[in-house]
Amino acid sequence: MSSISAFITSPAFVDAIILVLIFETIVVCTIRWRSYTTTWWRPIANNIAGIFLLLALRSVLAGSPLIWMLLAMSGALAAHLIDLKTHIPHHVISATTAPKGIR
Protein backbone atom coordinates (compact mmCIF):
# COMPACT_ATOMS: atom_id res chain seq x y z
CA MET A 1 0.00 0.00 0.00
CA SER A 2 1.33 3.44 -0.82
CA SER A 3 2.06 5.92 1.93
CA ILE A 4 -0.83 8.19 0.88
CA SER A 5 -3.44 5.44 0.99
CA ALA A 6 -2.00 4.22 4.30
CA PHE A 7 -2.39 7.74 5.73
CA ILE A 8 -5.96 8.11 4.44
CA THR A 9 -6.99 4.83 6.07
CA SER A 10 -5.25 5.64 9.36
CA PRO A 11 -6.83 7.10 12.49
CA ALA A 12 -4.45 10.08 12.21
CA PHE A 13 -6.27 11.27 9.09
CA VAL A 14 -9.61 11.13 10.92
CA ASP A 15 -8.01 13.05 13.80
CA ALA A 16 -6.99 15.78 11.36
CA ILE A 17 -10.55 15.99 9.99
CA ILE A 18 -11.92 16.23 13.56
CA LEU A 19 -9.54 19.13 14.29
CA VAL A 20 -10.66 20.93 11.13
CA LEU A 21 -14.31 20.42 12.10
CA ILE A 22 -13.69 21.82 15.60
CA PHE A 23 -11.93 24.84 14.09
CA GLU A 24 -14.81 25.32 11.64
CA THR A 25 -17.32 25.24 14.50
CA ILE A 26 -15.37 27.91 16.39
CA VAL A 27 -15.11 30.14 13.31
CA VAL A 28 -18.78 29.81 12.31
CA CYS A 29 -20.04 30.42 15.84
CA THR A 30 -17.74 33.43 16.21
CA ILE A 31 -18.97 34.94 12.94
CA ARG A 32 -22.59 34.39 13.93
CA TRP A 33 -21.94 35.83 17.41
CA ARG A 34 -20.23 38.93 16.00
CA SER A 35 -23.13 39.48 13.61
CA TYR A 36 -25.46 39.56 16.64
CA THR A 37 -27.37 36.48 15.54
CA THR A 38 -29.46 35.32 18.49
CA THR A 39 -28.93 31.65 17.61
CA TRP A 40 -25.16 31.77 17.19
CA TRP A 41 -24.86 28.36 18.88
CA ARG A 42 -26.95 26.39 16.35
CA PRO A 43 -24.04 24.94 14.33
CA ILE A 44 -22.61 23.33 17.46
CA ALA A 45 -25.11 20.44 17.64
CA ASN A 46 -24.76 19.73 13.94
CA ASN A 47 -20.98 19.65 14.07
CA ILE A 48 -20.92 17.61 17.28
CA ALA A 49 -22.97 14.98 15.45
CA GLY A 50 -20.36 14.96 12.70
CA ILE A 51 -17.57 14.68 15.23
CA PHE A 52 -19.26 11.67 16.85
CA LEU A 53 -19.61 10.01 13.44
CA LEU A 54 -15.93 10.62 12.77
CA LEU A 55 -15.06 9.18 16.19
CA ALA A 56 -17.03 6.06 15.25
CA LEU A 57 -15.04 5.80 12.01
CA ARG A 58 -11.82 6.34 13.92
CA SER A 59 -12.63 3.58 16.39
CA VAL A 60 -13.23 1.15 13.52
CA LEU A 61 -10.02 2.14 11.75
CA ALA A 62 -8.04 1.80 15.00
CA GLY A 63 -9.46 -1.65 15.66
CA SER A 64 -11.04 -0.65 18.97
CA PRO A 65 -13.71 -2.78 20.66
CA LEU A 66 -17.19 -2.49 19.15
CA ILE A 67 -18.58 -0.69 22.22
CA TRP A 68 -16.63 2.49 21.34
CA MET A 69 -18.20 2.63 17.89
CA LEU A 70 -21.65 2.04 19.39
CA LEU A 71 -21.13 4.79 21.99
CA ALA A 72 -19.99 7.22 19.30
CA MET A 73 -22.99 6.37 17.12
CA SER A 74 -25.31 6.89 20.11
CA GLY A 75 -23.73 10.28 20.71
CA ALA A 76 -24.25 11.16 17.06
CA LEU A 77 -27.92 10.20 17.30
CA ALA A 78 -28.41 12.35 20.39
CA ALA A 79 -26.68 15.31 18.76
CA HIS A 80 -28.79 14.90 15.60
CA LEU A 81 -31.98 14.89 17.66
CA ILE A 82 -30.87 18.06 19.46
CA ASP A 83 -30.02 19.61 16.08
CA LEU A 84 -33.48 18.73 14.74
CA LYS A 85 -35.11 20.29 17.79
CA THR A 86 -33.24 23.56 17.19
CA HIS A 87 -34.63 23.75 13.66
CA ILE A 88 -38.28 23.35 14.65
CA PRO A 89 -39.92 26.71 15.39
CA HIS A 90 -40.95 27.21 19.02
CA HIS A 91 -44.60 27.89 18.19
CA VAL A 92 -44.86 24.46 16.54
CA ILE A 93 -43.44 22.68 19.59
CA SER A 94 -45.65 24.48 22.08
CA ALA A 95 -48.84 24.17 20.02
CA THR A 96 -51.15 21.57 21.48
CA THR A 97 -54.57 20.63 20.27
CA ALA A 98 -57.47 19.96 22.59
CA PRO A 99 -58.89 16.43 22.56
CA LYS A 100 -62.13 15.90 20.65
CA GLY A 101 -65.21 16.89 22.54
CA ILE A 102 -63.38 19.31 24.87
CA ARG A 103 -63.58 22.96 23.85
PDB file of N, CA and C in Angstrom:
ATOM      1  N   MET A   1       0.852  -1.175   0.000  1.00  0.00           N
ATOM      2  CA  MET A   1       0.000   0.000   0.000  1.00  0.00           C
ATOM      3  C   MET A   1       0.898   1.239   0.000  1.00  0.00           C
ATOM      4  N   SER A   2       0.516   2.233  -0.773  1.00  0.00           N
ATOM      5  CA  SER A   2       1.329   3.444  -0.824  1.00  0.00           C
ATOM      6  C   SER A   2       1.171   4.225   0.467  1.00  0.00           C
ATOM      7  N   SER A   3       2.080   5.164   0.672  1.00  0.00           N
ATOM      8  CA  SER A   3       2.063   5.917   1.925  1.00  0.00           C
ATOM      9  C   SER A   3       0.834   6.840   2.008  1.00  0.00           C
ATOM     10  N   ILE A   4       0.351   7.321   0.867  1.00  0.00           N
ATOM     11  CA  ILE A   4      -0.831   8.191   0.884  1.00  0.00           C
ATOM     12  C   ILE A   4      -2.067   7.393   1.254  1.00  0.00           C
ATOM     13  N   SER A   5      -2.261   6.238   0.656  1.00  0.00           N
ATOM     14  CA  SER A   5      -3.442   5.437   0.992  1.00  0.00           C
ATOM     15  C   SER A   5      -3.354   4.899   2.420  1.00  0.00           C
ATOM     16  N   ALA A   6      -2.151   4.661   2.910  1.00  0.00           N
ATOM     17  CA  ALA A   6      -2.001   4.224   4.301  1.00  0.00           C
ATOM     18  C   ALA A   6      -2.384   5.351   5.248  1.00  0.00           C
ATOM     19  N   PHE A   7      -2.029   6.592   4.891  1.00  0.00           N
ATOM     20  CA  PHE A   7      -2.392   7.737   5.734  1.00  0.00           C
ATOM     21  C   PHE A   7      -3.899   7.981   5.719  1.00  0.00           C
ATOM     22  N   ILE A   8      -4.519   7.855   4.551  1.00  0.00           N
ATOM     23  CA  ILE A   8      -5.959   8.107   4.436  1.00  0.00           C
ATOM     24  C   ILE A   8      -6.756   7.076   5.222  1.00  0.00           C
ATOM     25  N   THR A   9      -6.279   5.861   5.316  1.00  0.00           N
ATOM     26  CA  THR A   9      -6.992   4.826   6.066  1.00  0.00           C
ATOM     27  C   THR A   9      -6.511   4.711   7.510  1.00  0.00           C
ATOM     28  N   SER A  10      -5.739   5.676   7.982  1.00  0.00           N
ATOM     29  CA  SER A  10      -5.249   5.636   9.359  1.00  0.00           C
ATOM     30  C   SER A  10      -6.101   6.522  10.267  1.00  0.00           C
ATOM     31  N   PRO A  11      -6.099   6.247  11.553  1.00  0.00           N
ATOM     32  CA  PRO A  11      -6.826   7.099  12.495  1.00  0.00           C
ATOM     33  C   PRO A  11      -6.287   8.525  12.550  1.00  0.00           C
ATOM     34  N   ALA A  12      -5.035   8.729  12.180  1.00  0.00           N
ATOM     35  CA  ALA A  12      -4.449  10.076  12.205  1.00  0.00           C
ATOM     36  C   ALA A  12      -5.146  10.997  11.209  1.00  0.00           C
ATOM     37  N   PHE A  13      -5.556  10.466  10.086  1.00  0.00           N
ATOM     38  CA  PHE A  13      -6.275  11.272   9.095  1.00  0.00           C
ATOM     39  C   PHE A  13      -7.633  11.705   9.637  1.00  0.00           C
ATOM     40  N   VAL A  14      -8.315  10.797  10.310  1.00  0.00           N
ATOM     41  CA  VAL A  14      -9.608  11.128  10.916  1.00  0.00           C
ATOM     42  C   VAL A  14      -9.409  12.169  12.020  1.00  0.00           C
ATOM     43  N   ASP A  15      -8.310  12.056  12.778  1.00  0.00           N
ATOM     44  CA  ASP A  15      -8.007  13.052  13.803  1.00  0.00           C
ATOM     45  C   ASP A  15      -7.831  14.435  13.187  1.00  0.00           C
ATOM     46  N   ALA A  16      -7.180  14.502  12.042  1.00  0.00           N
ATOM     47  CA  ALA A  16      -6.994  15.783  11.360  1.00  0.00           C
ATOM     48  C   ALA A  16      -8.334  16.361  10.916  1.00  0.00           C
ATOM     49  N   ILE A  17      -9.227  15.521  10.413  1.00  0.00           N
ATOM     50  CA  ILE A  17     -10.549  15.993   9.994  1.00  0.00           C
ATOM     51  C   ILE A  17     -11.336  16.493  11.203  1.00  0.00           C
ATOM     52  N   ILE A  18     -11.230  15.799  12.338  1.00  0.00           N
ATOM     53  CA  ILE A  18     -11.920  16.233  13.556  1.00  0.00           C
ATOM     54  C   ILE A  18     -11.407  17.605  13.991  1.00  0.00           C
ATOM     55  N   LEU A  19     -10.100  17.817  13.930  1.00  0.00           N
ATOM     56  CA  LEU A  19      -9.541  19.130  14.294  1.00  0.00           C
ATOM     57  C   LEU A  19     -10.046  20.232  13.366  1.00  0.00           C
ATOM     58  N   VAL A  20     -10.141  19.939  12.080  1.00  0.00           N
ATOM     59  CA  VAL A  20     -10.662  20.929  11.129  1.00  0.00           C
ATOM     60  C   VAL A  20     -12.124  21.230  11.436  1.00  0.00           C
ATOM     61  N   LEU A  21     -12.897  20.222  11.777  1.00  0.00           N
ATOM     62  CA  LEU A  21     -14.307  20.422  12.102  1.00  0.00           C
ATOM     63  C   LEU A  21     -14.480  21.239  13.382  1.00  0.00           C
ATOM     64  N   ILE A  22     -13.634  21.015  14.371  1.00  0.00           N
ATOM     65  CA  ILE A  22     -13.686  21.822  15.596  1.00  0.00           C
ATOM     66  C   ILE A  22     -13.332  23.272  15.285  1.00  0.00           C
ATOM     67  N   PHE A  23     -12.304  23.480  14.485  1.00  0.00           N
ATOM     68  CA  PHE A  23     -11.926  24.837  14.090  1.00  0.00           C
ATOM     69  C   PHE A  23     -13.055  25.512  13.306  1.00  0.00           C
ATOM     70  N   GLU A  24     -13.692  24.764  12.408  1.00  0.00           N
ATOM     71  CA  GLU A  24     -14.813  25.316  11.643  1.00  0.00           C
ATOM     72  C   GLU A  24     -15.961  25.732  12.562  1.00  0.00           C
ATOM     73  N   THR A  25     -16.248  24.916  13.558  1.00  0.00           N
ATOM     74  CA  THR A  25     -17.315  25.242  14.502  1.00  0.00           C
ATOM     75  C   THR A  25     -17.007  26.533  15.240  1.00  0.00           C
ATOM     76  N   ILE A  26     -15.771  26.685  15.678  1.00  0.00           N
ATOM     77  CA  ILE A  26     -15.371  27.908  16.385  1.00  0.00           C
ATOM     78  C   ILE A  26     -15.499  29.121  15.478  1.00  0.00           C
ATOM     79  N   VAL A  27     -15.051  29.008  14.242  1.00  0.00           N
ATOM     80  CA  VAL A  27     -15.109  30.137  13.310  1.00  0.00           C
ATOM     81  C   VAL A  27     -16.552  30.510  12.983  1.00  0.00           C
ATOM     82  N   VAL A  28     -17.385  29.526  12.679  1.00  0.00           N
ATOM     83  CA  VAL A  28     -18.778  29.808  12.310  1.00  0.00           C
ATOM     84  C   VAL A  28     -19.538  30.422  13.484  1.00  0.00           C
ATOM     85  N   CYS A  29     -19.346  29.865  14.674  1.00  0.00           N
ATOM     86  CA  CYS A  29     -20.036  30.422  15.844  1.00  0.00           C
ATOM     87  C   CYS A  29     -19.555  31.830  16.160  1.00  0.00           C
ATOM     88  N   THR A  30     -18.273  32.088  15.970  1.00  0.00           N
ATOM     89  CA  THR A  30     -17.740  33.430  16.206  1.00  0.00           C
ATOM     90  C   THR A  30     -18.310  34.430  15.207  1.00  0.00           C
ATOM     91  N   ILE A  31     -18.395  34.046  13.955  1.00  0.00           N
ATOM     92  CA  ILE A  31     -18.965  34.939  12.942  1.00  0.00           C
ATOM     93  C   ILE A  31     -20.429  35.214  13.244  1.00  0.00           C
ATOM     94  N   ARG A  32     -21.171  34.182  13.606  1.00  0.00           N
ATOM     95  CA  ARG A  32     -22.587  34.388  13.931  1.00  0.00           C
ATOM     96  C   ARG A  32     -22.746  35.233  15.192  1.00  0.00           C
ATOM     97  N   TRP A  33     -21.871  35.052  16.179  1.00  0.00           N
ATOM     98  CA  TRP A  33     -21.944  35.826  17.408  1.00  0.00           C
ATOM     99  C   TRP A  33     -21.617  37.290  17.154  1.00  0.00           C
ATOM    100  N   ARG A  34     -20.614  37.542  16.309  1.00  0.00           N
ATOM    101  CA  ARG A  34     -20.228  38.927  16.002  1.00  0.00           C
ATOM    102  C   ARG A  34     -21.268  39.638  15.142  1.00  0.00           C
ATOM    103  N   SER A  35     -22.082  38.869  14.422  1.00  0.00           N
ATOM    104  CA  SER A  35     -23.133  39.483  13.614  1.00  0.00           C
ATOM    105  C   SER A  35     -24.428  39.621  14.412  1.00  0.00           C
ATOM    106  N   TYR A  36     -24.330  39.406  15.722  1.00  0.00           N
ATOM    107  CA  TYR A  36     -25.464  39.556  16.640  1.00  0.00           C
ATOM    108  C   TYR A  36     -26.634  38.648  16.280  1.00  0.00           C
ATOM    109  N   THR A  37     -26.341  37.468  15.785  1.00  0.00           N
ATOM    110  CA  THR A  37     -27.371  36.482  15.538  1.00  0.00           C
ATOM    111  C   THR A  37     -27.753  35.865  16.884  1.00  0.00           C
ATOM    112  N   THR A  38     -29.042  35.818  17.180  1.00  0.00           N
ATOM    113  CA  THR A  38     -29.456  35.319  18.487  1.00  0.00           C
ATOM    114  C   THR A  38     -29.236  33.816  18.631  1.00  0.00           C
ATOM    115  N   THR A  39     -29.163  33.100  17.542  1.00  0.00           N
ATOM    116  CA  THR A  39     -28.933  31.653  17.605  1.00  0.00           C
ATOM    117  C   THR A  39     -27.538  31.326  17.081  1.00  0.00           C
ATOM    118  N   TRP A  40     -26.545  31.980  17.636  1.00  0.00           N
ATOM    119  CA  TRP A  40     -25.160  31.774  17.188  1.00  0.00           C
ATOM    120  C   TRP A  40     -24.673  30.364  17.499  1.00  0.00           C
ATOM    121  N   TRP A  41     -25.303  29.660  18.421  1.00  0.00           N
ATOM    122  CA  TRP A  41     -24.860  28.356  18.883  1.00  0.00           C
ATOM    123  C   TRP A  41     -25.428  27.203  18.062  1.00  0.00           C
ATOM    124  N   ARG A  42     -26.291  27.470  17.107  1.00  0.00           N
ATOM    125  CA  ARG A  42     -26.948  26.391  16.352  1.00  0.00           C
ATOM    126  C   ARG A  42     -25.992  25.434  15.631  1.00  0.00           C
ATOM    127  N   PRO A  43     -24.909  25.901  15.034  1.00  0.00           N
ATOM    128  CA  PRO A  43     -24.038  24.942  14.329  1.00  0.00           C
ATOM    129  C   PRO A  43     -23.329  23.952  15.246  1.00  0.00           C
ATOM    130  N   ILE A  44     -23.336  24.196  16.545  1.00  0.00           N
ATOM    131  CA  ILE A  44     -22.607  23.332  17.460  1.00  0.00           C
ATOM    132  C   ILE A  44     -23.185  21.915  17.465  1.00  0.00           C
ATOM    133  N   ALA A  45     -24.501  21.783  17.595  1.00  0.00           N
ATOM    134  CA  ALA A  45     -25.114  20.442  17.641  1.00  0.00           C
ATOM    135  C   ALA A  45     -24.886  19.681  16.338  1.00  0.00           C
ATOM    136  N   ASN A  46     -24.976  20.373  15.230  1.00  0.00           N
ATOM    137  CA  ASN A  46     -24.764  19.730  13.939  1.00  0.00           C
ATOM    138  C   ASN A  46     -23.333  19.219  13.817  1.00  0.00           C
ATOM    139  N   ASN A  47     -22.382  20.054  14.198  1.00  0.00           N
ATOM    140  CA  ASN A  47     -20.983  19.648  14.067  1.00  0.00           C
ATOM    141  C   ASN A  47     -20.583  18.617  15.110  1.00  0.00           C
ATOM    142  N   ILE A  48     -21.203  18.647  16.285  1.00  0.00           N
ATOM    143  CA  ILE A  48     -20.921  17.605  17.276  1.00  0.00           C
ATOM    144  C   ILE A  48     -21.393  16.246  16.753  1.00  0.00           C
ATOM    145  N   ALA A  49     -22.516  16.234  16.055  1.00  0.00           N
ATOM    146  CA  ALA A  49     -22.974  14.979  15.449  1.00  0.00           C
ATOM    147  C   ALA A  49     -21.944  14.463  14.448  1.00  0.00           C
ATOM    148  N   GLY A  50     -21.403  15.360  13.649  1.00  0.00           N
ATOM    149  CA  GLY A  50     -20.360  14.963  12.700  1.00  0.00           C
ATOM    150  C   GLY A  50     -19.107  14.474  13.386  1.00  0.00           C
ATOM    151  N   ILE A  51     -18.747  15.110  14.485  1.00  0.00           N
ATOM    152  CA  ILE A  51     -17.565  14.682  15.231  1.00  0.00           C
ATOM    153  C   ILE A  51     -17.786  13.282  15.807  1.00  0.00           C
ATOM    154  N   PHE A  52     -18.979  13.019  16.332  1.00  0.00           N
ATOM    155  CA  PHE A  52     -19.257  11.672  16.852  1.00  0.00           C
ATOM    156  C   PHE A  52     -19.196  10.631  15.742  1.00  0.00           C
ATOM    157  N   LEU A  53     -19.696  10.967  14.554  1.00  0.00           N
ATOM    158  CA  LEU A  53     -19.611  10.014  13.441  1.00  0.00           C
ATOM    159  C   LEU A  53     -18.157   9.753  13.052  1.00  0.00           C
ATOM    160  N   LEU A  54     -17.352  10.807  13.071  1.00  0.00           N
ATOM    161  CA  LEU A  54     -15.933  10.625  12.771  1.00  0.00           C
ATOM    162  C   LEU A  54     -15.232   9.811  13.862  1.00  0.00           C
ATOM    163  N   LEU A  55     -15.638   9.992  15.113  1.00  0.00           N
ATOM    164  CA  LEU A  55     -15.065   9.181  16.186  1.00  0.00           C
ATOM    165  C   LEU A  55     -15.438   7.708  16.015  1.00  0.00           C
ATOM    166  N   ALA A  56     -16.650   7.443  15.531  1.00  0.00           N
ATOM    167  CA  ALA A  56     -17.033   6.057  15.253  1.00  0.00           C
ATOM    168  C   ALA A  56     -16.160   5.477  14.143  1.00  0.00           C
ATOM    169  N   LEU A  57     -15.924   6.247  13.100  1.00  0.00           N
ATOM    170  CA  LEU A  57     -15.042   5.802  12.014  1.00  0.00           C
ATOM    171  C   LEU A  57     -13.630   5.569  12.530  1.00  0.00           C
ATOM    172  N   ARG A  58     -13.168   6.472  13.370  1.00  0.00           N
ATOM    173  CA  ARG A  58     -11.819   6.344  13.916  1.00  0.00           C
ATOM    174  C   ARG A  58     -11.683   5.083  14.756  1.00  0.00           C
ATOM    175  N   SER A  59     -12.716   4.777  15.540  1.00  0.00           N
ATOM    176  CA  SER A  59     -12.630   3.580  16.386  1.00  0.00           C
ATOM    177  C   SER A  59     -12.574   2.312  15.534  1.00  0.00           C
ATOM    178  N   VAL A  60     -13.276   2.318  14.414  1.00  0.00           N
ATOM    179  CA  VAL A  60     -13.232   1.152  13.519  1.00  0.00           C
ATOM    180  C   VAL A  60     -11.865   1.042  12.861  1.00  0.00           C
ATOM    181  N   LEU A  61     -11.327   2.172  12.398  1.00  0.00           N
ATOM    182  CA  LEU A  61     -10.016   2.143  11.753  1.00  0.00           C
ATOM    183  C   LEU A  61      -8.912   1.756  12.726  1.00  0.00           C
ATOM    184  N   ALA A  62      -9.063   2.120  14.006  1.00  0.00           N
ATOM    185  CA  ALA A  62      -8.040   1.802  15.001  1.00  0.00           C
ATOM    186  C   ALA A  62      -8.169   0.377  15.529  1.00  0.00           C
ATOM    187  N   GLY A  63      -9.270  -0.288  15.198  1.00  0.00           N
ATOM    188  CA  GLY A  63      -9.463  -1.650  15.664  1.00  0.00           C
ATOM    189  C   GLY A  63      -9.896  -1.721  17.116  1.00  0.00           C
ATOM    190  N   SER A  64     -10.562  -0.688  17.590  1.00  0.00           N
ATOM    191  CA  SER A  64     -11.040  -0.649  18.974  1.00  0.00           C
ATOM    192  C   SER A  64     -12.206  -1.610  19.159  1.00  0.00           C
ATOM    193  N   PRO A  65     -12.534  -1.934  20.416  1.00  0.00           N
ATOM    194  CA  PRO A  65     -13.714  -2.778  20.656  1.00  0.00           C
ATOM    195  C   PRO A  65     -14.991  -2.127  20.118  1.00  0.00           C
ATOM    196  N   LEU A  66     -15.953  -2.938  19.784  1.00  0.00           N
ATOM    197  CA  LEU A  66     -17.193  -2.490  19.153  1.00  0.00           C
ATOM    198  C   LEU A  66     -17.970  -1.502  20.015  1.00  0.00           C
ATOM    199  N   ILE A  67     -17.821  -1.568  21.330  1.00  0.00           N
ATOM    200  CA  ILE A  67     -18.578  -0.686  22.219  1.00  0.00           C
ATOM    201  C   ILE A  67     -18.250   0.785  21.967  1.00  0.00           C
ATOM    202  N   TRP A  68     -17.004   1.095  21.591  1.00  0.00           N
ATOM    203  CA  TRP A  68     -16.633   2.492  21.344  1.00  0.00           C
ATOM    204  C   TRP A  68     -17.331   3.037  20.109  1.00  0.00           C
ATOM    205  N   MET A  69     -17.464   2.197  19.080  1.00  0.00           N
ATOM    206  CA  MET A  69     -18.202   2.627  17.895  1.00  0.00           C
ATOM    207  C   MET A  69     -19.674   2.823  18.216  1.00  0.00           C
ATOM    208  N   LEU A  70     -20.240   1.921  19.017  1.00  0.00           N
ATOM    209  CA  LEU A  70     -21.648   2.044  19.395  1.00  0.00           C
ATOM    210  C   LEU A  70     -21.891   3.285  20.255  1.00  0.00           C
ATOM    211  N   LEU A  71     -20.992   3.583  21.169  1.00  0.00           N
ATOM    212  CA  LEU A  71     -21.126   4.795  21.987  1.00  0.00           C
ATOM    213  C   LEU A  71     -21.041   6.053  21.137  1.00  0.00           C
ATOM    214  N   ALA A  72     -20.122   6.051  20.180  1.00  0.00           N
ATOM    215  CA  ALA A  72     -19.990   7.219  19.298  1.00  0.00           C
ATOM    216  C   ALA A  72     -21.231   7.386  18.421  1.00  0.00           C
ATOM    217  N   MET A  73     -21.781   6.289  17.935  1.00  0.00           N
ATOM    218  CA  MET A  73     -22.995   6.371  17.122  1.00  0.00           C
ATOM    219  C   MET A  73     -24.179   6.840  17.962  1.00  0.00           C
ATOM    220  N   SER A  74     -24.245   6.417  19.220  1.00  0.00           N
ATOM    221  CA  SER A  74     -25.312   6.885  20.111  1.00  0.00           C
ATOM    222  C   SER A  74     -25.182   8.383  20.377  1.00  0.00           C
ATOM    223  N   GLY A  75     -23.960   8.851  20.545  1.00  0.00           N
ATOM    224  CA  GLY A  75     -23.732  10.282  20.711  1.00  0.00           C
ATOM    225  C   GLY A  75     -24.129  11.066  19.473  1.00  0.00           C
ATOM    226  N   ALA A  76     -23.860  10.502  18.305  1.00  0.00           N
ATOM    227  CA  ALA A  76     -24.255  11.160  17.063  1.00  0.00           C
ATOM    228  C   ALA A  76     -25.770  11.237  16.941  1.00  0.00           C
ATOM    229  N   LEU A  77     -26.461  10.180  17.338  1.00  0.00           N
ATOM    230  CA  LEU A  77     -27.925  10.195  17.301  1.00  0.00           C
ATOM    231  C   LEU A  77     -28.477  11.268  18.237  1.00  0.00           C
ATOM    232  N   ALA A  78     -27.947  11.338  19.441  1.00  0.00           N
ATOM    233  CA  ALA A  78     -28.412  12.349  20.393  1.00  0.00           C
ATOM    234  C   ALA A  78     -28.155  13.759  19.867  1.00  0.00           C
ATOM    235  N   ALA A  79     -26.990  13.988  19.300  1.00  0.00           N
ATOM    236  CA  ALA A  79     -26.676  15.306  18.758  1.00  0.00           C
ATOM    237  C   ALA A  79     -27.573  15.644  17.569  1.00  0.00           C
ATOM    238  N   HIS A  80     -27.886  14.650  16.732  1.00  0.00           N
ATOM    239  CA  HIS A  80     -28.790  14.898  15.602  1.00  0.00           C
ATOM    240  C   HIS A  80     -30.192  15.241  16.091  1.00  0.00           C
ATOM    241  N   LEU A  81     -30.660  14.568  17.131  1.00  0.00           N
ATOM    242  CA  LEU A  81     -31.982  14.889  17.660  1.00  0.00           C
ATOM    243  C   LEU A  81     -32.016  16.297  18.253  1.00  0.00           C
ATOM    244  N   ILE A  82     -30.954  16.688  18.933  1.00  0.00           N
ATOM    245  CA  ILE A  82     -30.874  18.061  19.457  1.00  0.00           C
ATOM    246  C   ILE A  82     -30.838  19.057  18.305  1.00  0.00           C
ATOM    247  N   ASP A  83     -30.091  18.729  17.254  1.00  0.00           N
ATOM    248  CA  ASP A  83     -30.021  19.609  16.085  1.00  0.00           C
ATOM    249  C   ASP A  83     -31.392  19.749  15.433  1.00  0.00           C
ATOM    250  N   LEU A  84     -32.129  18.656  15.316  1.00  0.00           N
ATOM    251  CA  LEU A  84     -33.478  18.729  14.738  1.00  0.00           C
ATOM    252  C   LEU A  84     -34.396  19.595  15.591  1.00  0.00           C
ATOM    253  N   LYS A  85     -34.273  19.490  16.903  1.00  0.00           N
ATOM    254  CA  LYS A  85     -35.111  20.287  17.788  1.00  0.00           C
ATOM    255  C   LYS A  85     -34.811  21.779  17.642  1.00  0.00           C
ATOM    256  N   THR A  86     -33.568  22.132  17.359  1.00  0.00           N
ATOM    257  CA  THR A  86     -33.239  23.559  17.193  1.00  0.00           C
ATOM    258  C   THR A  86     -33.789  24.123  15.889  1.00  0.00           C
ATOM    259  N   HIS A  87     -34.109  23.268  14.938  1.00  0.00           N
ATOM    260  CA  HIS A  87     -34.631  23.750  13.658  1.00  0.00           C
ATOM    261  C   HIS A  87     -36.149  23.870  13.631  1.00  0.00           C
ATOM    262  N   ILE A  88     -36.819  23.267  14.608  1.00  0.00           N
ATOM    263  CA  ILE A  88     -38.275  23.352  14.653  1.00  0.00           C
ATOM    264  C   ILE A  88     -38.661  24.654  15.345  1.00  0.00           C
ATOM    265  N   PRO A  89     -39.514  25.467  14.743  1.00  0.00           N
ATOM    266  CA  PRO A  89     -39.920  26.713  15.387  1.00  0.00           C
ATOM    267  C   PRO A  89     -40.597  26.462  16.733  1.00  0.00           C
ATOM    268  N   HIS A  90     -40.423  27.376  17.667  1.00  0.00           N
ATOM    269  CA  HIS A  90     -40.946  27.206  19.022  1.00  0.00           C
ATOM    270  C   HIS A  90     -42.474  27.123  19.037  1.00  0.00           C
ATOM    271  N   HIS A  91     -43.136  27.900  18.173  1.00  0.00           N
ATOM    272  CA  HIS A  91     -44.596  27.885  18.193  1.00  0.00           C
ATOM    273  C   HIS A  91     -45.161  26.542  17.726  1.00  0.00           C
ATOM    274  N   VAL A  92     -44.398  25.782  16.965  1.00  0.00           N
ATOM    275  CA  VAL A  92     -44.865  24.456  16.539  1.00  0.00           C
ATOM    276  C   VAL A  92     -44.723  23.465  17.699  1.00  0.00           C
ATOM    277  N   ILE A  93     -43.662  23.593  18.466  1.00  0.00           N
ATOM    278  CA  ILE A  93     -43.442  22.683  19.588  1.00  0.00           C
ATOM    279  C   ILE A  93     -44.479  22.912  20.677  1.00  0.00           C
ATOM    280  N   SER A  94     -44.761  24.184  20.963  1.00  0.00           N
ATOM    281  CA  SER A  94     -45.654  24.481  22.080  1.00  0.00           C
ATOM    282  C   SER A  94     -47.136  24.412  21.700  1.00  0.00           C
ATOM    283  N   ALA A  95     -47.437  24.237  20.433  1.00  0.00           N
ATOM    284  CA  ALA A  95     -48.839  24.169  20.017  1.00  0.00           C
ATOM    285  C   ALA A  95     -49.409  22.804  20.376  1.00  0.00           C
ATOM    286  N   THR A  96     -50.489  22.813  21.144  1.00  0.00           N
ATOM    287  CA  THR A  96     -51.155  21.566  21.484  1.00  0.00           C
ATOM    288  C   THR A  96     -52.626  21.696  21.094  1.00  0.00           C
ATOM    289  N   THR A  97     -53.162  20.622  20.643  1.00  0.00           N
ATOM    290  CA  THR A  97     -54.565  20.632  20.270  1.00  0.00           C
ATOM    291  C   THR A  97     -55.384  20.012  21.395  1.00  0.00           C
ATOM    292  N   ALA A  98     -56.578  20.496  21.563  1.00  0.00           N
ATOM    293  CA  ALA A  98     -57.475  19.955  22.587  1.00  0.00           C
ATOM    294  C   ALA A  98     -58.064  18.645  22.091  1.00  0.00           C
ATOM    295  N   PRO A  99     -58.265  17.689  22.973  1.00  0.00           N
ATOM    296  CA  PRO A  99     -58.887  16.429  22.557  1.00  0.00           C
ATOM    297  C   PRO A  99     -60.295  16.669  22.025  1.00  0.00           C
ATOM    298  N   LYS A 100     -60.781  15.758  21.213  1.00  0.00           N
ATOM    299  CA  LYS A 100     -62.126  15.896  20.653  1.00  0.00           C
ATOM    300  C   LYS A 100     -63.159  15.920  21.751  1.00  0.00           C
ATOM    301  N   GLY A 101     -64.134  16.785  21.600  1.00  0.00           N
ATOM    302  CA  GLY A 101     -65.206  16.893  22.544  1.00  0.00           C
ATOM    303  C   GLY A 101     -64.923  17.870  23.676  1.00  0.00           C
ATOM    304  N   ILE A 102     -63.698  18.334  23.815  1.00  0.00           N
ATOM    305  CA  ILE A 102     -63.379  19.308  24.875  1.00  0.00           C
ATOM    306  C   ILE A 102     -63.025  20.619  24.203  1.00  0.00           C
ATOM    307  N   ARG A 103     -63.842  21.631  24.423  1.00  0.00           N
ATOM    308  CA  ARG A 103     -63.585  22.963  23.846  1.00  0.00           C
ATOM    309  C   ARG A 103     -64.035  24.028  24.755  1.00  0.00           C
TER     310      ARG A 103
END
